[in-house]
Amino acid sequence: MPPFDWALAARDAEYDRRGARLEWKVIQVRMDNKERKPAVVLRCPSWIESQVKSEMVRRGMSELRVTGGGDWHLGFLLQGTATALDDELETFLTLLSEICSLQPSFGDVDICLALDLYKVPPDEDDASGRWANTPAGDLVHRSKYWTAPDGPRAFRQLTGELSTVIAHHPRLRDADCIVSIPGRSSSALGHGERLANAVAMTTGKTFFRTQGLYGERPQAKAGEFKLTEELVAVPAQFGGASVIVVDDVLMSGSSMRAVAARVRSAGGGSVYGLVGAKTLKN
């Protein structure tokens, strides 16, 4: 086990575990031989750095620690004679600057992403609880609760935005299949399950509906039910395949954690979480 990195822990403490975004730019750095070369520099917590770093390493880009450049945490030299990022890499970095990467505290989930928080974080003095929805939170709300034509229109937009995240994130793009989180009923598809199925269809990935080993359950927000691995059934053995767990809203992460653990025990490889919005209260 590597030694505990106090500097990294201090950096992570500066960020909201419910969701952080990447900051990046391309700058000129001075090398030891006084030559200037273009590099991309990053400012982010470790759980975003790991996503970016794996892609840079895959591309053969050289890592450099940034000194004298403010509080940029990490840099990578552009390859060869390139003076700008290629389109695919720029699209990926832009994606991570626009959506929320959640701190990996959901057990077997390697990466967890949300379009945004559900609510706009309030001022410290605002204890009313009547906080405005973010655009992502509003989209989830309209998709789930509004009737036609606005509800179905919001559902299609939400499906499209989650599918775009998959298309632009290399690790999610390469995932083999999508699984849902069990809804309230074992007989009818809930909103999150329908959303997972729609995203799978849009991205061309195989869809697996997990089943809850219960009848009807109360809503999770009622605080009366907690999904555990023992209450989840999956319809397949995954044989090392990488899996995306898709849902509409993430609260405490307990349901995501339970499904991810069940996927792992059924032979799943990497497990990624992708949701429309993350609540503020958990």
C-alpha atoms as a PDB file:
ATOM      1  CA  MET A   1       0.000   0.000   0.000  1.00  0.00           C
ATOM      2  CA  PRO A   2       1.435   3.423  -0.953  1.00  0.00           C
ATOM      3  CA  PRO A   3       2.188   5.859   1.891  1.00  0.00           C
ATOM      4  CA  PHE A   4      -0.577   8.255   2.849  1.00  0.00           C
ATOM      5  CA  ASP A   5      -0.237  11.473   0.871  1.00  0.00           C
ATOM      6  CA  TRP A   6      -0.974  14.343   3.253  1.00  0.00           C
ATOM      7  CA  ALA A   7      -0.590  16.934   0.507  1.00  0.00           C
ATOM      8  CA  LEU A   8      -3.161  15.149  -1.638  1.00  0.00           C
ATOM      9  CA  ALA A   9      -5.533  14.821   1.310  1.00  0.00           C
ATOM     10  CA  ALA A  10      -5.213  18.537   2.005  1.00  0.00           C
ATOM     11  CA  ARG A  11      -5.951  19.333  -1.623  1.00  0.00           C
ATOM     12  CA  ASP A  12      -9.015  17.047  -1.691  1.00  0.00           C
ATOM     13  CA  ALA A  13     -10.327  18.701   1.461  1.00  0.00           C
ATOM     14  CA  GLU A  14     -10.692  21.943  -0.488  1.00  0.00           C
ATOM     15  CA  TYR A  15     -13.328  20.387  -2.741  1.00  0.00           C
ATOM     16  CA  ASP A  16     -16.956  19.415  -2.203  1.00  0.00           C
ATOM     17  CA  ARG A  17     -17.235  15.619  -2.006  1.00  0.00           C
ATOM     18  CA  ARG A  18     -20.713  15.917  -3.538  1.00  0.00           C
ATOM     19  CA  GLY A  19     -19.228  17.102  -6.796  1.00  0.00           C
ATOM     20  CA  ALA A  20     -16.211  18.900  -8.202  1.00  0.00           C
ATOM     21  CA  ARG A  21     -15.177  20.086 -11.645  1.00  0.00           C
ATOM     22  CA  LEU A  22     -11.890  20.162 -13.511  1.00  0.00           C
ATOM     23  CA  GLU A  23     -10.074  23.405 -14.241  1.00  0.00           C
ATOM     24  CA  TRP A  24      -7.524  23.248 -17.069  1.00  0.00           C
ATOM     25  CA  LYS A  25      -5.708  25.323 -19.650  1.00  0.00           C
ATOM     26  CA  VAL A  26      -2.829  25.062 -22.110  1.00  0.00           C
ATOM     27  CA  ILE A  27       0.234  27.162 -21.200  1.00  0.00           C
ATOM     28  CA  GLN A  28       3.882  27.508 -22.179  1.00  0.00           C
ATOM     29  CA  VAL A  29       6.290  25.983 -19.641  1.00  0.00           C
ATOM     30  CA  ARG A  30      10.005  26.637 -19.377  1.00  0.00           C
ATOM     31  CA  MET A  31      12.108  23.469 -19.512  1.00  0.00           C
ATOM     32  CA  ASP A  32      15.481  22.952 -17.810  1.00  0.00           C
ATOM     33  CA  ASN A  33      17.244  23.921 -21.043  1.00  0.00           C
ATOM     34  CA  LYS A  34      15.257  27.223 -21.061  1.00  0.00           C
ATOM     35  CA  GLU A  35      13.204  26.034 -24.039  1.00  0.00           C
ATOM     36  CA  ARG A  36       9.476  26.713 -23.837  1.00  0.00           C
ATOM     37  CA  LYS A  37       7.013  23.941 -24.611  1.00  0.00           C
ATOM     38  CA  PRO A  38       3.205  23.780 -24.529  1.00  0.00           C
ATOM     39  CA  ALA A  39       1.593  21.794 -21.749  1.00  0.00           C
ATOM     40  CA  VAL A  40      -1.878  21.276 -20.338  1.00  0.00           C
ATOM     41  CA  VAL A  41      -2.132  22.036 -16.614  1.00  0.00           C
ATOM     42  CA  LEU A  42      -4.836  20.863 -14.204  1.00  0.00           C
ATOM     43  CA  ARG A  43      -6.436  22.070 -10.996  1.00  0.00           C
ATOM     44  CA  CYS A  44      -8.715  19.440  -9.444  1.00  0.00           C
ATOM     45  CA  PRO A  45      -9.110  16.900  -6.624  1.00  0.00           C
ATOM     46  CA  SER A  46      -7.467  13.494  -6.878  1.00  0.00           C
ATOM     47  CA  TRP A  47     -10.652  11.738  -8.033  1.00  0.00           C
ATOM     48  CA  ILE A  48     -10.678  13.882 -11.176  1.00  0.00           C
ATOM     49  CA  GLU A  49      -6.908  13.794 -11.628  1.00  0.00           C
ATOM     50  CA  SER A  50      -7.027   9.982 -11.809  1.00  0.00           C
ATOM     51  CA  GLN A  51      -9.555  10.115 -14.657  1.00  0.00           C
ATOM     52  CA  VAL A  52      -7.446  12.560 -16.666  1.00  0.00           C
ATOM     53  CA  LYS A  53      -4.082  11.020 -15.851  1.00  0.00           C
ATOM     54  CA  SER A  54      -5.043   7.593 -17.170  1.00  0.00           C
ATOM     55  CA  GLU A  55      -5.993   9.160 -20.497  1.00  0.00           C
ATOM     56  CA  MET A  56      -2.756  11.181 -20.698  1.00  0.00           C
ATOM     57  CA  VAL A  57      -0.668   8.094 -19.884  1.00  0.00           C
ATOM     58  CA  ARG A  58      -2.528   6.112 -22.549  1.00  0.00           C
ATOM     59  CA  ARG A  59      -1.546   8.785 -25.050  1.00  0.00           C
ATOM     60  CA  GLY A  60       2.112   8.680 -23.988  1.00  0.00           C
ATOM     61  CA  MET A  61       2.151  12.246 -22.682  1.00  0.00           C
ATOM     62  CA  SER A  62       4.915  13.127 -20.217  1.00  0.00           C
ATOM     63  CA  GLU A  63       3.870  14.245 -16.747  1.00  0.00           C
ATOM     64  CA  LEU A  64       5.431  17.252 -15.077  1.00  0.00           C
ATOM     65  CA  ARG A  65       4.937  18.811 -11.681  1.00  0.00           C
ATOM     66  CA  VAL A  66       4.121  22.469 -12.011  1.00  0.00           C
ATOM     67  CA  THR A  67       6.221  24.902  -9.952  1.00  0.00           C
ATOM     68  CA  GLY A  68       5.961  28.667  -9.889  1.00  0.00           C
ATOM     69  CA  GLY A  69       2.660  28.519 -11.738  1.00  0.00           C
ATOM     70  CA  GLY A  70       0.185  29.383  -9.036  1.00  0.00           C
ATOM     71  CA  ASP A  71      -1.856  26.516  -7.638  1.00  0.00           C
ATOM     72  CA  TRP A  72      -2.032  24.336 -10.737  1.00  0.00           C
ATOM     73  CA  HIS A  73      -1.557  20.806  -9.459  1.00  0.00           C
ATOM     74  CA  LEU A  74      -0.294  18.821 -12.405  1.00  0.00           C
ATOM     75  CA  GLY A  75       0.800  19.209 -16.001  1.00  0.00           C
ATOM     76  CA  PHE A  76       1.374  17.129 -19.107  1.00  0.00           C
ATOM     77  CA  LEU A  77       3.555  18.084 -22.058  1.00  0.00           C
ATOM     78  CA  LEU A  78       1.903  18.072 -25.447  1.00  0.00           C
ATOM     79  CA  GLN A  79       3.382  15.506 -27.773  1.00  0.00           C
ATOM     80  CA  GLY A  80       5.839  16.220 -30.562  1.00  0.00           C
ATOM     81  CA  THR A  81       5.309  19.517 -32.326  1.00  0.00           C
ATOM     82  CA  ALA A  82       1.676  19.892 -31.255  1.00  0.00           C
ATOM     83  CA  THR A  83       0.733  23.343 -29.992  1.00  0.00           C
ATOM     84  CA  ALA A  84      -2.878  22.528 -29.077  1.00  0.00           C
ATOM     85  CA  LEU A  85      -4.872  19.591 -27.799  1.00  0.00           C
ATOM     86  CA  ASP A  86      -6.470  17.254 -30.284  1.00  0.00           C
ATOM     87  CA  ASP A  87     -10.254  17.493 -30.542  1.00  0.00           C
ATOM     88  CA  GLU A  88     -11.003  14.277 -28.645  1.00  0.00           C
ATOM     89  CA  LEU A  89      -8.864  15.188 -25.641  1.00  0.00           C
ATOM     90  CA  GLU A  90     -10.156  18.769 -25.544  1.00  0.00           C
ATOM     91  CA  THR A  91     -13.728  17.448 -25.611  1.00  0.00           C
ATOM     92  CA  PHE A  92     -12.965  15.121 -22.686  1.00  0.00           C
ATOM     93  CA  LEU A  93     -11.373  17.845 -20.562  1.00  0.00           C
ATOM     94  CA  THR A  94     -14.224  20.223 -21.372  1.00  0.00           C
ATOM     95  CA  LEU A  95     -16.709  17.554 -20.273  1.00  0.00           C
ATOM     96  CA  LEU A  96     -15.014  17.178 -16.872  1.00  0.00           C
ATOM     97  CA  SER A  97     -15.075  20.957 -16.468  1.00  0.00           C
ATOM     98  CA  GLU A  98     -18.850  21.046 -17.017  1.00  0.00           C
ATOM     99  CA  ILE A  99     -20.191  18.046 -15.072  1.00  0.00           C
ATOM    100  CA  CYS A 100     -19.697  16.896 -11.475  1.00  0.00           C
ATOM    101  CA  SER A 101     -17.237  14.149 -10.564  1.00  0.00           C
ATOM    102  CA  LEU A 102     -18.218  12.761  -7.177  1.00  0.00           C
ATOM    103  CA  GLN A 103     -15.731  11.642  -4.560  1.00  0.00           C
ATOM    104  CA  PRO A 104     -15.373   7.823  -4.873  1.00  0.00           C
ATOM    105  CA  SER A 105     -17.108   6.818  -1.654  1.00  0.00           C
ATOM    106  CA  PHE A 106     -19.565   4.362  -3.146  1.00  0.00           C
ATOM    107  CA  GLY A 107     -17.776   1.079  -2.489  1.00  0.00           C
ATOM    108  CA  ASP A 108     -17.143  -0.773  -5.737  1.00  0.00           C
ATOM    109  CA  VAL A 109     -17.791   2.260  -7.974  1.00  0.00           C
ATOM    110  CA  ASP A 110     -14.565   3.372  -9.696  1.00  0.00           C
ATOM    111  CA  ILE A 111     -15.883   6.670 -11.095  1.00  0.00           C
ATOM    112  CA  CYS A 112     -19.173   8.399 -10.307  1.00  0.00           C
ATOM    113  CA  LEU A 113     -20.440  11.288 -12.427  1.00  0.00           C
ATOM    114  CA  ALA A 114     -23.501  13.542 -12.283  1.00  0.00           C
ATOM    115  CA  LEU A 115     -24.653  16.198 -14.697  1.00  0.00           C
ATOM    116  CA  ASP A 116     -24.858  18.533 -11.693  1.00  0.00           C
ATOM    117  CA  LEU A 117     -26.137  18.861  -8.155  1.00  0.00           C
ATOM    118  CA  TYR A 118     -29.949  18.780  -7.870  1.00  0.00           C
ATOM    119  CA  LYS A 119     -30.210  22.116  -6.083  1.00  0.00           C
ATOM    120  CA  VAL A 120     -28.194  25.316  -6.288  1.00  0.00           C
ATOM    121  CA  PRO A 121     -26.047  25.352  -3.105  1.00  0.00           C
ATOM    122  CA  PRO A 122     -27.566  27.974  -0.783  1.00  0.00           C
ATOM    123  CA  ASP A 123     -25.872  30.778   1.073  1.00  0.00           C
ATOM    124  CA  GLU A 124     -24.674  29.845   4.541  1.00  0.00           C
ATOM    125  CA  ASP A 125     -27.465  31.876   6.148  1.00  0.00           C
ATOM    126  CA  ASP A 126     -30.255  30.279   4.100  1.00  0.00           C
ATOM    127  CA  ALA A 127     -31.890  27.555   6.184  1.00  0.00           C
ATOM    128  CA  SER A 128     -35.257  27.672   4.406  1.00  0.00           C
ATOM    129  CA  GLY A 129     -34.715  24.493   2.394  1.00  0.00           C
ATOM    130  CA  ARG A 130     -36.515  26.174  -0.526  1.00  0.00           C
ATOM    131  CA  TRP A 131     -33.555  26.123  -2.832  1.00  0.00           C
ATOM    132  CA  ALA A 132     -33.767  26.470  -6.591  1.00  0.00           C
ATOM    133  CA  ASN A 133     -33.116  23.535  -8.867  1.00  0.00           C
ATOM    134  CA  THR A 134     -30.036  23.548 -11.068  1.00  0.00           C
ATOM    135  CA  PRO A 135     -30.756  23.077 -14.793  1.00  0.00           C
ATOM    136  CA  ALA A 136     -29.930  19.366 -14.366  1.00  0.00           C
ATOM    137  CA  GLY A 137     -32.148  19.077 -11.288  1.00  0.00           C
ATOM    138  CA  ASP A 138     -34.974  20.821 -13.108  1.00  0.00           C
ATOM    139  CA  LEU A 139     -34.553  18.472 -16.068  1.00  0.00           C
ATOM    140  CA  VAL A 140     -34.745  15.408 -13.811  1.00  0.00           C
ATOM    141  CA  HIS A 141     -37.796  16.831 -12.032  1.00  0.00           C
ATOM    142  CA  ARG A 142     -39.666  17.577 -15.250  1.00  0.00           C
ATOM    143  CA  SER A 143     -38.705  14.221 -16.765  1.00  0.00           C
ATOM    144  CA  LYS A 144     -39.972  12.341 -13.723  1.00  0.00           C
ATOM    145  CA  TYR A 145     -43.096  14.248 -12.714  1.00  0.00           C
ATOM    146  CA  TRP A 146     -44.445  16.309 -15.604  1.00  0.00           C
ATOM    147  CA  THR A 147     -47.029  15.005 -18.028  1.00  0.00           C
ATOM    148  CA  ALA A 148     -46.959  15.077 -21.822  1.00  0.00           C
ATOM    149  CA  PRO A 149     -45.644  16.796 -23.786  1.00  0.00           C
ATOM    150  CA  ASP A 150     -43.180  18.465 -21.396  1.00  0.00           C
ATOM    151  CA  GLY A 151     -42.326  15.359 -19.362  1.00  0.00           C
ATOM    152  CA  PRO A 152     -41.433  13.135 -22.338  1.00  0.00           C
ATOM    153  CA  ARG A 153     -39.514  16.014 -23.916  1.00  0.00           C
ATOM    154  CA  ALA A 154     -37.456  16.441 -20.735  1.00  0.00           C
ATOM    155  CA  PHE A 155     -36.910  12.671 -20.583  1.00  0.00           C
ATOM    156  CA  ARG A 156     -35.474  12.673 -24.106  1.00  0.00           C
ATOM    157  CA  GLN A 157     -33.208  15.614 -23.276  1.00  0.00           C
ATOM    158  CA  LEU A 158     -31.993  13.947 -20.082  1.00  0.00           C
ATOM    159  CA  THR A 159     -31.316  10.746 -22.010  1.00  0.00           C
ATOM    160  CA  GLY A 160     -29.369  12.713 -24.593  1.00  0.00           C
ATOM    161  CA  GLU A 161     -27.235  14.561 -22.037  1.00  0.00           C
ATOM    162  CA  LEU A 162     -26.298  11.368 -20.163  1.00  0.00           C
ATOM    163  CA  SER A 163     -25.535   9.647 -23.473  1.00  0.00           C
ATOM    164  CA  THR A 164     -23.254  12.552 -24.418  1.00  0.00           C
ATOM    165  CA  VAL A 165     -21.286  12.064 -21.191  1.00  0.00           C
ATOM    166  CA  ILE A 166     -20.726   8.434 -22.153  1.00  0.00           C
ATOM    167  CA  ALA A 167     -19.714   9.362 -25.701  1.00  0.00           C
ATOM    168  CA  HIS A 168     -17.145  11.930 -24.519  1.00  0.00           C
ATOM    169  CA  HIS A 169     -15.641  10.068 -21.539  1.00  0.00           C
ATOM    170  CA  PRO A 170     -13.139   7.450 -22.800  1.00  0.00           C
ATOM    171  CA  ARG A 171     -13.644   4.972 -19.960  1.00  0.00           C
ATOM    172  CA  LEU A 172     -17.428   5.129 -20.063  1.00  0.00           C
ATOM    173  CA  ARG A 173     -17.422   5.037 -23.849  1.00  0.00           C
ATOM    174  CA  ASP A 174     -15.484   1.757 -23.736  1.00  0.00           C
ATOM    175  CA  ALA A 175     -17.797   0.194 -21.137  1.00  0.00           C
ATOM    176  CA  ASP A 176     -19.615  -2.930 -22.268  1.00  0.00           C
ATOM    177  CA  CYS A 177     -23.071  -2.573 -20.758  1.00  0.00           C
ATOM    178  CA  ILE A 178     -25.480  -0.510 -18.668  1.00  0.00           C
ATOM    179  CA  VAL A 179     -27.412  -1.721 -15.641  1.00  0.00           C
ATOM    180  CA  SER A 180     -30.229  -0.084 -13.722  1.00  0.00           C
ATOM    181  CA  ILE A 181     -30.905   0.328 -10.020  1.00  0.00           C
ATOM    182  CA  PRO A 182     -34.072  -1.500  -8.879  1.00  0.00           C
ATOM    183  CA  GLY A 183     -37.091   0.756  -8.628  1.00  0.00           C
ATOM    184  CA  ARG A 184     -39.910   0.769  -6.118  1.00  0.00           C
ATOM    185  CA  SER A 185     -41.798  -2.013  -7.886  1.00  0.00           C
ATOM    186  CA  SER A 186     -40.596  -5.339  -9.259  1.00  0.00           C
ATOM    187  CA  SER A 187     -43.441  -5.372 -11.795  1.00  0.00           C
ATOM    188  CA  ALA A 188     -43.185  -1.925 -13.415  1.00  0.00           C
ATOM    189  CA  LEU A 189     -40.165   0.051 -14.595  1.00  0.00           C
ATOM    190  CA  GLY A 190     -39.456   3.123 -12.503  1.00  0.00           C
ATOM    191  CA  HIS A 191     -38.167   6.399 -13.891  1.00  0.00           C
ATOM    192  CA  GLY A 192     -34.501   5.539 -13.220  1.00  0.00           C
ATOM    193  CA  GLU A 193     -34.890   2.142 -14.856  1.00  0.00           C
ATOM    194  CA  ARG A 194     -36.549   3.586 -17.939  1.00  0.00           C
ATOM    195  CA  LEU A 195     -33.774   6.168 -18.127  1.00  0.00           C
ATOM    196  CA  ALA A 196     -31.032   3.527 -17.920  1.00  0.00           C
ATOM    197  CA  ASN A 197     -32.723   1.538 -20.701  1.00  0.00           C
ATOM    198  CA  ALA A 198     -33.075   4.632 -22.901  1.00  0.00           C
ATOM    199  CA  VAL A 199     -29.418   5.589 -22.416  1.00  0.00           C
ATOM    200  CA  ALA A 200     -28.367   2.028 -23.295  1.00  0.00           C
ATOM    201  CA  MET A 201     -30.421   2.159 -26.493  1.00  0.00           C
ATOM    202  CA  THR A 202     -29.007   5.563 -27.428  1.00  0.00           C
ATOM    203  CA  THR A 203     -25.384   4.536 -26.850  1.00  0.00           C
ATOM    204  CA  GLY A 204     -25.758   1.047 -28.354  1.00  0.00           C
ATOM    205  CA  LYS A 205     -24.820  -0.762 -25.145  1.00  0.00           C
ATOM    206  CA  THR A 206     -26.382  -3.908 -23.745  1.00  0.00           C
ATOM    207  CA  PHE A 207     -28.950  -3.212 -21.028  1.00  0.00           C
ATOM    208  CA  PHE A 208     -29.486  -5.346 -17.937  1.00  0.00           C
ATOM    209  CA  ARG A 209     -32.322  -4.619 -15.550  1.00  0.00           C
ATOM    210  CA  THR A 210     -31.467  -5.527 -11.984  1.00  0.00           C
ATOM    211  CA  GLN A 211     -34.292  -6.867  -9.858  1.00  0.00           C
ATOM    212  CA  GLY A 212     -35.102  -5.976  -6.285  1.00  0.00           C
ATOM    213  CA  LEU A 213     -35.800  -9.007  -4.122  1.00  0.00           C
ATOM    214  CA  TYR A 214     -38.785  -7.336  -2.484  1.00  0.00           C
ATOM    215  CA  GLY A 215     -42.336  -6.413  -3.434  1.00  0.00           C
ATOM    216  CA  GLU A 216     -43.189  -2.758  -3.134  1.00  0.00           C
ATOM    217  CA  ARG A 217     -40.853  -0.512  -1.180  1.00  0.00           C
ATOM    218  CA  PRO A 218     -41.243   3.040   0.111  1.00  0.00           C
ATOM    219  CA  GLN A 219     -39.429   5.867  -1.583  1.00  0.00           C
ATOM    220  CA  ALA A 220     -35.794   6.126  -0.529  1.00  0.00           C
ATOM    221  CA  LYS A 221     -36.310   9.731   0.555  1.00  0.00           C
ATOM    222  CA  ALA A 222     -38.749   8.471   3.227  1.00  0.00           C
ATOM    223  CA  GLY A 223     -35.756   7.013   5.055  1.00  0.00           C
ATOM    224  CA  GLU A 224     -37.545   3.726   5.674  1.00  0.00           C
ATOM    225  CA  PHE A 225     -35.617   1.486   3.279  1.00  0.00           C
ATOM    226  CA  LYS A 226     -31.980   0.878   2.393  1.00  0.00           C
ATOM    227  CA  LEU A 227     -31.054  -1.250  -0.602  1.00  0.00           C
ATOM    228  CA  THR A 228     -28.324  -3.791   0.111  1.00  0.00           C
ATOM    229  CA  GLU A 229     -26.408  -6.184  -2.128  1.00  0.00           C
ATOM    230  CA  GLU A 230     -28.438  -9.099  -0.758  1.00  0.00           C
ATOM    231  CA  LEU A 231     -31.627  -7.479  -2.079  1.00  0.00           C
ATOM    232  CA  VAL A 232     -30.338  -7.106  -5.658  1.00  0.00           C
ATOM    233  CA  ALA A 233     -30.485  -9.761  -8.374  1.00  0.00           C
ATOM    234  CA  VAL A 234     -28.712  -9.429 -11.726  1.00  0.00           C
ATOM    235  CA  PRO A 235     -29.741 -11.402 -14.824  1.00  0.00           C
ATOM    236  CA  ALA A 236     -26.227 -12.244 -16.039  1.00  0.00           C
ATOM    237  CA  GLN A 237     -22.628 -13.062 -15.210  1.00  0.00           C
ATOM    238  CA  PHE A 238     -20.491 -10.248 -16.539  1.00  0.00           C
ATOM    239  CA  GLY A 239     -17.249 -12.118 -17.199  1.00  0.00           C
ATOM    240  CA  GLY A 240     -14.994  -9.135 -16.544  1.00  0.00           C
ATOM    241  CA  ALA A 241     -17.107  -6.706 -18.592  1.00  0.00           C
ATOM    242  CA  SER A 242     -17.089  -3.067 -17.539  1.00  0.00           C
ATOM    243  CA  VAL A 243     -20.466  -1.733 -16.420  1.00  0.00           C
ATOM    244  CA  ILE A 244     -22.161   1.661 -16.109  1.00  0.00           C
ATOM    245  CA  VAL A 245     -24.833   1.965 -13.408  1.00  0.00           C
ATOM    246  CA  VAL A 246     -27.288   4.635 -14.594  1.00  0.00           C
ATOM    247  CA  ASP A 247     -29.934   6.334 -12.437  1.00  0.00           C
ATOM    248  CA  ASP A 248     -31.829   9.610 -12.322  1.00  0.00           C
ATOM    249  CA  VAL A 249     -30.862  10.860  -8.831  1.00  0.00           C
ATOM    250  CA  LEU A 250     -28.162   9.928  -6.351  1.00  0.00           C
ATOM    251  CA  MET A 251     -28.825  10.629  -2.673  1.00  0.00           C
ATOM    252  CA  SER A 252     -26.633   8.856  -0.120  1.00  0.00           C
ATOM    253  CA  GLY A 253     -25.154   6.448  -2.663  1.00  0.00           C
ATOM    254  CA  SER A 254     -26.320   3.339  -0.798  1.00  0.00           C
ATOM    255  CA  SER A 255     -28.341   2.002  -3.759  1.00  0.00           C
ATOM    256  CA  MET A 256     -25.472   2.666  -6.171  1.00  0.00           C
ATOM    257  CA  ARG A 257     -23.127   0.920  -3.743  1.00  0.00           C
ATOM    258  CA  ALA A 258     -25.408  -2.123  -3.450  1.00  0.00           C
ATOM    259  CA  VAL A 259     -25.798  -2.576  -7.209  1.00  0.00           C
ATOM    260  CA  ALA A 260     -22.076  -2.087  -7.834  1.00  0.00           C
ATOM    261  CA  ALA A 261     -21.220  -4.720  -5.218  1.00  0.00           C
ATOM    262  CA  ARG A 262     -23.700  -7.145  -6.799  1.00  0.00           C
ATOM    263  CA  VAL A 263     -22.237  -6.490 -10.266  1.00  0.00           C
ATOM    264  CA  ARG A 264     -18.724  -7.159  -8.950  1.00  0.00           C
ATOM    265  CA  SER A 265     -19.812 -10.414  -7.318  1.00  0.00           C
ATOM    266  CA  ALA A 266     -21.331 -11.410 -10.675  1.00  0.00           C
ATOM    267  CA  GLY A 267     -17.981 -10.982 -12.419  1.00  0.00           C
ATOM    268  CA  GLY A 268     -18.096  -7.330 -13.375  1.00  0.00           C
ATOM    269  CA  GLY A 269     -14.852  -5.501 -14.051  1.00  0.00           C
ATOM    270  CA  SER A 270     -14.736  -1.724 -13.754  1.00  0.00           C
ATOM    271  CA  VAL A 271     -17.970  -0.166 -12.486  1.00  0.00           C
ATOM    272  CA  TYR A 272     -18.925   3.427 -13.259  1.00  0.00           C
ATOM    273  CA  GLY A 273     -21.857   5.426 -11.885  1.00  0.00           C
ATOM    274  CA  LEU A 274     -23.735   8.003 -13.968  1.00  0.00           C
ATOM    275  CA  VAL A 275     -26.734   9.992 -12.707  1.00  0.00           C
ATOM    276  CA  GLY A 276     -28.740  13.012 -13.709  1.00  0.00           C
ATOM    277  CA  ALA A 277     -28.276  14.877 -10.432  1.00  0.00           C
ATOM    278  CA  LYS A 278     -26.799  14.544  -6.935  1.00  0.00           C
ATOM    279  CA  THR A 279     -28.807  15.769  -3.945  1.00  0.00           C
ATOM    280  CA  LEU A 280     -27.338  18.333  -1.561  1.00  0.00           C
ATOM    281  CA  LYS A 281     -28.427  16.753   1.701  1.00  0.00           C
ATOM    282  CA  ASN A 282     -26.276  13.593   1.505  1.00  0.00           C
END
